[in-house]
């Protein structure tokens, strides 16, 4: 659980598709928990199209995204460099997606100053296209501005994204609401307004539960419990995290972030001895997490120290 698709069944058609239909089909190839496997699926699908076609170029934007999620940023930029010369001749959707993925590659590698103007242009171009199915990518661009912009601007962009999702006629665009409520909550949390953050996270949880999305519902539950801990409501926070741990265990899964929170709850009670076993389990589950190691090494080191683990 961290601030954070299925394969396309009929992935062989080679006839040209409308922008909306093809984009939805491409997006269905994603499994964001396994970007390497997603990249392989995109490459297999791309083989069905001419290299200069709109279809191939749009798939390339998602290959770049998969490379970025694997922290292969040079490869992602090289893929996008190959897309750039063909943008003028294809559907404007492809340029919007190119801008989004170039921006994400910069932002994930720590160059948010380069990412922000790209996300802004993606939002502007997507809005100018004026098609309902472009709404999804406009909201995506605004949501990325809510992540990459300066701290003083993030809330404004997230609220704009939420308003755009609320007003959208496209169902996929409206479905952004769960993520946006989650992100807005974190913006308030980072500003120290834990009560407002919890309110947004509770709305996000209700949205996920209504949608029947098991994985994202678990993330939403974890986040609500994190808000409860920040407000000192430790018994409620512990009950939610233990329930999540039990649910995951029943499914044959574990989540190191749940263990980490259970350790933090015990520390908040002034009981480091009770925290140590949870911290050890958290460290064992998270020590090989590449994003955590790259972005929050001190967090892993703290878990190791709390859990009395060798480093």
Foldseek 3Di string as FASTA:
>chain_A
DDLDAAQQPPLQDQDDDDPLVLVVNLVRLDDLVQLVSSLVSLVVSLVSYDCLAPSNLQSLLSNLQSCLSVVVLVVSVVSLVVSVVSCVPYDVVSQLSSLQSNLVSCVSVPNLVVNLVSLVVSLVSLVVVVDLSSLLSNLVSLQVCLVSPDLVCNLVSLVVSQVSLVPGPDPNSVLCQLSSLQSNLVSCVVVVNLVVSLVSLVVSLVSCVVVVPVVVNLVSLLSNLVSCVSVVVLVVSLVSLVVSQVVQVVVVHHALVSLQVNLVSCVVVVHLVVSQVSLVSSLVVCVPPVSCCVPPVVVSVVSCVSNVHDD
